[in-house]
Amino acid sequence: MFGLGIIGFLIYAYTIYDVVTGRFGNSSDKIVWILIVIFLPLLGTILWFLFGRKGRL
């Protein structure tokens, strides 16, 4: 169980890093994605990998 927690945390940390370092056409898009990922960790991570990465430049 501890290993799954570490893997989950690493995926979550990578998602935050990916959002922060990503280039967006509109700066408000980055802020919205950061808030989504921080306040909805599991759902935000899933949404980022399904929809957010495609929206970057």
PDB file of N, CA and C in Angstrom:
ATOM      1  N   MET A   1       0.816  -1.202   0.000  1.00  0.00           N
ATOM      2  CA  MET A   1       0.000   0.000   0.000  1.00  0.00           C
ATOM      3  C   MET A   1       0.854   1.259   0.000  1.00  0.00           C
ATOM      4  N   PHE A   2       1.966   1.205   0.703  1.00  0.00           N
ATOM      5  CA  PHE A   2       2.833   2.379   0.775  1.00  0.00           C
ATOM      6  C   PHE A   2       3.394   2.721  -0.594  1.00  0.00           C
ATOM      7  N   GLY A   3       3.713   1.698  -1.381  1.00  0.00           N
ATOM      8  CA  GLY A   3       4.245   1.916  -2.722  1.00  0.00           C
ATOM      9  C   GLY A   3       3.248   2.603  -3.628  1.00  0.00           C
ATOM     10  N   LEU A   4       1.973   2.263  -3.488  1.00  0.00           N
ATOM     11  CA  LEU A   4       0.941   2.917  -4.296  1.00  0.00           C
ATOM     12  C   LEU A   4       0.810   4.381  -3.929  1.00  0.00           C
ATOM     13  N   GLY A   5       0.990   4.706  -2.678  1.00  0.00           N
ATOM     14  CA  GLY A   5       0.945   6.100  -2.246  1.00  0.00           C
ATOM     15  C   GLY A   5       2.083   6.912  -2.840  1.00  0.00           C
ATOM     16  N   ILE A   6       3.260   6.311  -2.893  1.00  0.00           N
ATOM     17  CA  ILE A   6       4.423   6.983  -3.475  1.00  0.00           C
ATOM     18  C   ILE A   6       4.199   7.200  -4.969  1.00  0.00           C
ATOM     19  N   ILE A   7       3.700   6.174  -5.651  1.00  0.00           N
ATOM     20  CA  ILE A   7       3.443   6.303  -7.092  1.00  0.00           C
ATOM     21  C   ILE A   7       2.389   7.371  -7.353  1.00  0.00           C
ATOM     22  N   GLY A   8       1.330   7.388  -6.561  1.00  0.00           N
ATOM     23  CA  GLY A   8       0.293   8.405  -6.707  1.00  0.00           C
ATOM     24  C   GLY A   8       0.824   9.806  -6.479  1.00  0.00           C
ATOM     25  N   PHE A   9       1.656   9.948  -5.462  1.00  0.00           N
ATOM     26  CA  PHE A   9       2.245  11.252  -5.178  1.00  0.00           C
ATOM     27  C   PHE A   9       3.156  11.701  -6.308  1.00  0.00           C
ATOM     28  N   LEU A  10       3.948  10.788  -6.870  1.00  0.00           N
ATOM     29  CA  LEU A  10       4.840  11.141  -7.972  1.00  0.00           C
ATOM     30  C   LEU A  10       4.065  11.562  -9.222  1.00  0.00           C
ATOM     31  N   ILE A  11       2.964  10.881  -9.503  1.00  0.00           N
ATOM     32  CA  ILE A  11       2.134  11.267 -10.645  1.00  0.00           C
ATOM     33  C   ILE A  11       1.521  12.643 -10.404  1.00  0.00           C
ATOM     34  N   TYR A  12       1.051  12.887  -9.191  1.00  0.00           N
ATOM     35  CA  TYR A  12       0.463  14.181  -8.835  1.00  0.00           C
ATOM     36  C   TYR A  12       1.503  15.298  -8.927  1.00  0.00           C
ATOM     37  N   ALA A  13       2.711  15.041  -8.413  1.00  0.00           N
ATOM     38  CA  ALA A  13       3.780  16.044  -8.480  1.00  0.00           C
ATOM     39  C   ALA A  13       4.169  16.320  -9.924  1.00  0.00           C
ATOM     40  N   TYR A  14       4.231  15.286 -10.758  1.00  0.00           N
ATOM     41  CA  TYR A  14       4.552  15.484 -12.171  1.00  0.00           C
ATOM     42  C   TYR A  14       3.468  16.299 -12.867  1.00  0.00           C
ATOM     43  N   THR A  15       2.217  16.070 -12.512  1.00  0.00           N
ATOM     44  CA  THR A  15       1.115  16.825 -13.114  1.00  0.00           C
ATOM     45  C   THR A  15       1.251  18.306 -12.786  1.00  0.00           C
ATOM     46  N   ILE A  16       1.520  18.629 -11.535  1.00  0.00           N
ATOM     47  CA  ILE A  16       1.691  20.029 -11.149  1.00  0.00           C
ATOM     48  C   ILE A  16       2.884  20.634 -11.891  1.00  0.00           C
ATOM     49  N   TYR A  17       3.988  19.908 -11.959  1.00  0.00           N
ATOM     50  CA  TYR A  17       5.171  20.384 -12.681  1.00  0.00           C
ATOM     51  C   TYR A  17       4.850  20.612 -14.157  1.00  0.00           C
ATOM     52  N   ASP A  18       4.121  19.693 -14.761  1.00  0.00           N
ATOM     53  CA  ASP A  18       3.776  19.796 -16.174  1.00  0.00           C
ATOM     54  C   ASP A  18       2.882  21.009 -16.440  1.00  0.00           C
ATOM     55  N   VAL A  19       1.941  21.274 -15.545  1.00  0.00           N
ATOM     56  CA  VAL A  19       1.068  22.445 -15.714  1.00  0.00           C
ATOM     57  C   VAL A  19       1.868  23.734 -15.548  1.00  0.00           C
ATOM     58  N   VAL A  20       2.709  23.801 -14.531  1.00  0.00           N
ATOM     59  CA  VAL A  20       3.454  25.022 -14.240  1.00  0.00           C
ATOM     60  C   VAL A  20       4.455  25.351 -15.346  1.00  0.00           C
ATOM     61  N   THR A  21       5.105  24.340 -15.907  1.00  0.00           N
ATOM     62  CA  THR A  21       6.117  24.591 -16.934  1.00  0.00           C
ATOM     63  C   THR A  21       5.537  24.647 -18.341  1.00  0.00           C
ATOM     64  N   GLY A  22       4.257  24.341 -18.492  1.00  0.00           N
ATOM     65  CA  GLY A  22       3.634  24.352 -19.811  1.00  0.00           C
ATOM     66  C   GLY A  22       3.436  25.766 -20.334  1.00  0.00           C
ATOM     67  N   ARG A  23       3.456  25.883 -21.657  1.00  0.00           N
ATOM     68  CA  ARG A  23       3.209  27.175 -22.296  1.00  0.00           C
ATOM     69  C   ARG A  23       1.773  27.208 -22.799  1.00  0.00           C
ATOM     70  N   PHE A  24       1.053  28.228 -22.391  1.00  0.00           N
ATOM     71  CA  PHE A  24      -0.346  28.393 -22.753  1.00  0.00           C
ATOM     72  C   PHE A  24      -0.495  29.680 -23.540  1.00  0.00           C
ATOM     73  N   GLY A  25      -1.493  29.720 -24.410  1.00  0.00           N
ATOM     74  CA  GLY A  25      -1.762  30.932 -25.168  1.00  0.00           C
ATOM     75  C   GLY A  25      -2.293  32.041 -24.274  1.00  0.00           C
ATOM     76  N   ASN A  26      -3.011  31.668 -23.238  1.00  0.00           N
ATOM     77  CA  ASN A  26      -3.629  32.624 -22.327  1.00  0.00           C
ATOM     78  C   ASN A  26      -3.150  32.295 -20.912  1.00  0.00           C
ATOM     79  N   SER A  27      -2.653  33.286 -20.190  1.00  0.00           N
ATOM     80  CA  SER A  27      -2.122  33.020 -18.849  1.00  0.00           C
ATOM     81  C   SER A  27      -3.208  32.596 -17.866  1.00  0.00           C
ATOM     82  N   SER A  28      -4.450  32.992 -18.113  1.00  0.00           N
ATOM     83  CA  SER A  28      -5.516  32.575 -17.204  1.00  0.00           C
ATOM     84  C   SER A  28      -5.794  31.081 -17.330  1.00  0.00           C
ATOM     85  N   ASP A  29      -5.509  30.482 -18.495  1.00  0.00           N
ATOM     86  CA  ASP A  29      -5.672  29.036 -18.643  1.00  0.00           C
ATOM     87  C   ASP A  29      -4.739  28.288 -17.692  1.00  0.00           C
ATOM     88  N   LYS A  30      -3.525  28.768 -17.551  1.00  0.00           N
ATOM     89  CA  LYS A  30      -2.563  28.118 -16.659  1.00  0.00           C
ATOM     90  C   LYS A  30      -3.044  28.204 -15.217  1.00  0.00           C
ATOM     91  N   ILE A  31      -3.546  29.353 -14.818  1.00  0.00           N
ATOM     92  CA  ILE A  31      -4.028  29.533 -13.446  1.00  0.00           C
ATOM     93  C   ILE A  31      -5.214  28.614 -13.175  1.00  0.00           C
ATOM     94  N   VAL A  32      -6.120  28.513 -14.135  1.00  0.00           N
ATOM     95  CA  VAL A  32      -7.287  27.644 -13.967  1.00  0.00           C
ATOM     96  C   VAL A  32      -6.861  26.196 -13.823  1.00  0.00           C
ATOM     97  N   TRP A  33      -5.921  25.750 -14.658  1.00  0.00           N
ATOM     98  CA  TRP A  33      -5.458  24.364 -14.571  1.00  0.00           C
ATOM     99  C   TRP A  33      -4.734  24.096 -13.262  1.00  0.00           C
ATOM    100  N   ILE A  34      -3.944  25.036 -12.804  1.00  0.00           N
ATOM    101  CA  ILE A  34      -3.257  24.854 -11.520  1.00  0.00           C
ATOM    102  C   ILE A  34      -4.281  24.708 -10.393  1.00  0.00           C
ATOM    103  N   LEU A  35      -5.293  25.547 -10.393  1.00  0.00           N
ATOM    104  CA  LEU A  35      -6.328  25.464  -9.355  1.00  0.00           C
ATOM    105  C   LEU A  35      -7.096  24.149  -9.428  1.00  0.00           C
ATOM    106  N   ILE A  36      -7.408  23.688 -10.634  1.00  0.00           N
ATOM    107  CA  ILE A  36      -8.120  22.421 -10.788  1.00  0.00           C
ATOM    108  C   ILE A  36      -7.288  21.271 -10.229  1.00  0.00           C
ATOM    109  N   VAL A  37      -6.008  21.242 -10.586  1.00  0.00           N
ATOM    110  CA  VAL A  37      -5.149  20.142 -10.143  1.00  0.00           C
ATOM    111  C   VAL A  37      -4.915  20.190  -8.638  1.00  0.00           C
ATOM    112  N   ILE A  38      -4.797  21.370  -8.060  1.00  0.00           N
ATOM    113  CA  ILE A  38      -4.542  21.474  -6.624  1.00  0.00           C
ATOM    114  C   ILE A  38      -5.788  21.136  -5.801  1.00  0.00           C
ATOM    115  N   PHE A  39      -6.954  21.650  -6.205  1.00  0.00           N
ATOM    116  CA  PHE A  39      -8.154  21.446  -5.393  1.00  0.00           C
ATOM    117  C   PHE A  39      -8.882  20.131  -5.682  1.00  0.00           C
ATOM    118  N   LEU A  40      -8.649  19.542  -6.834  1.00  0.00           N
ATOM    119  CA  LEU A  40      -9.240  18.245  -7.173  1.00  0.00           C
ATOM    120  C   LEU A  40      -8.119  17.310  -7.628  1.00  0.00           C
ATOM    121  N   PRO A  41      -7.314  16.808  -6.707  1.00  0.00           N
ATOM    122  CA  PRO A  41      -6.091  16.092  -7.097  1.00  0.00           C
ATOM    123  C   PRO A  41      -6.310  14.920  -8.064  1.00  0.00           C
ATOM    124  N   LEU A  42      -7.164  13.993  -7.746  1.00  0.00           N
ATOM    125  CA  LEU A  42      -7.346  12.830  -8.607  1.00  0.00           C
ATOM    126  C   LEU A  42      -8.057  13.204  -9.903  1.00  0.00           C
ATOM    127  N   LEU A  43      -9.183  13.875  -9.774  1.00  0.00           N
ATOM    128  CA  LEU A  43      -9.942  14.278 -10.958  1.00  0.00           C
ATOM    129  C   LEU A  43      -9.160  15.275 -11.807  1.00  0.00           C
ATOM    130  N   GLY A  44      -8.476  16.213 -11.161  1.00  0.00           N
ATOM    131  CA  GLY A  44      -7.690  17.204 -11.885  1.00  0.00           C
ATOM    132  C   GLY A  44      -6.557  16.584 -12.677  1.00  0.00           C
ATOM    133  N   THR A  45      -5.906  15.574 -12.098  1.00  0.00           N
ATOM    134  CA  THR A  45      -4.831  14.879 -12.799  1.00  0.00           C
ATOM    135  C   THR A  45      -5.367  14.141 -14.010  1.00  0.00           C
ATOM    136  N   ILE A  46      -6.488  13.463 -13.847  1.00  0.00           N
ATOM    137  CA  ILE A  46      -7.095  12.741 -14.972  1.00  0.00           C
ATOM    138  C   ILE A  46      -7.513  13.715 -16.065  1.00  0.00           C
ATOM    139  N   LEU A  47      -8.164  14.808 -15.686  1.00  0.00           N
ATOM    140  CA  LEU A  47      -8.590  15.796 -16.676  1.00  0.00           C
ATOM    141  C   LEU A  47      -7.413  16.431 -17.393  1.00  0.00           C
ATOM    142  N   TRP A  48      -6.317  16.686 -16.670  1.00  0.00           N
ATOM    143  CA  TRP A  48      -5.131  17.276 -17.288  1.00  0.00           C
ATOM    144  C   TRP A  48      -4.581  16.372 -18.385  1.00  0.00           C
ATOM    145  N   PHE A  49      -4.449  15.084 -18.079  1.00  0.00           N
ATOM    146  CA  PHE A  49      -3.873  14.174 -19.061  1.00  0.00           C
ATOM    147  C   PHE A  49      -4.838  13.888 -20.213  1.00  0.00           C
ATOM    148  N   LEU A  50      -6.154  14.008 -19.984  1.00  0.00           N
ATOM    149  CA  LEU A  50      -7.104  13.790 -21.070  1.00  0.00           C
ATOM    150  C   LEU A  50      -7.314  15.019 -21.944  1.00  0.00           C
ATOM    151  N   PHE A  51      -7.406  16.211 -21.317  1.00  0.00           N
ATOM    152  CA  PHE A  51      -7.779  17.399 -22.061  1.00  0.00           C
ATOM    153  C   PHE A  51      -6.752  18.523 -22.022  1.00  0.00           C
ATOM    154  N   GLY A  52      -6.088  18.706 -20.914  1.00  0.00           N
ATOM    155  CA  GLY A  52      -5.227  19.868 -20.712  1.00  0.00           C
ATOM    156  C   GLY A  52      -3.965  19.865 -21.548  1.00  0.00           C
ATOM    157  N   ARG A  53      -3.329  18.728 -21.677  1.00  0.00           N
ATOM    158  CA  ARG A  53      -2.084  18.659 -22.433  1.00  0.00           C
ATOM    159  C   ARG A  53      -2.294  18.995 -23.891  1.00  0.00           C
ATOM    160  N   LYS A  54      -3.468  18.727 -24.420  1.00  0.00           N
ATOM    161  CA  LYS A  54      -3.765  19.028 -25.821  1.00  0.00           C
ATOM    162  C   LYS A  54      -3.967  20.515 -26.038  1.00  0.00           C
ATOM    163  N   GLY A  55      -4.351  21.242 -24.980  1.00  0.00           N
ATOM    164  CA  GLY A  55      -4.622  22.663 -25.093  1.00  0.00           C
ATOM    165  C   GLY A  55      -3.396  23.563 -25.033  1.00  0.00           C
ATOM    166  N   ARG A  56      -2.244  22.967 -24.755  1.00  0.00           N
ATOM    167  CA  ARG A  56      -1.022  23.770 -24.672  1.00  0.00           C
ATOM    168  C   ARG A  56      -0.508  24.063 -26.072  1.00  0.00           C
ATOM    169  N   LEU A  57       0.404  25.024 -26.161  1.00  0.00           N
ATOM    170  CA  LEU A  57       1.042  25.348 -27.452  1.00  0.00           C
ATOM    171  C   LEU A  57       2.195  24.437 -27.735  1.00  0.00           C
TER     172      LEU A  57
END
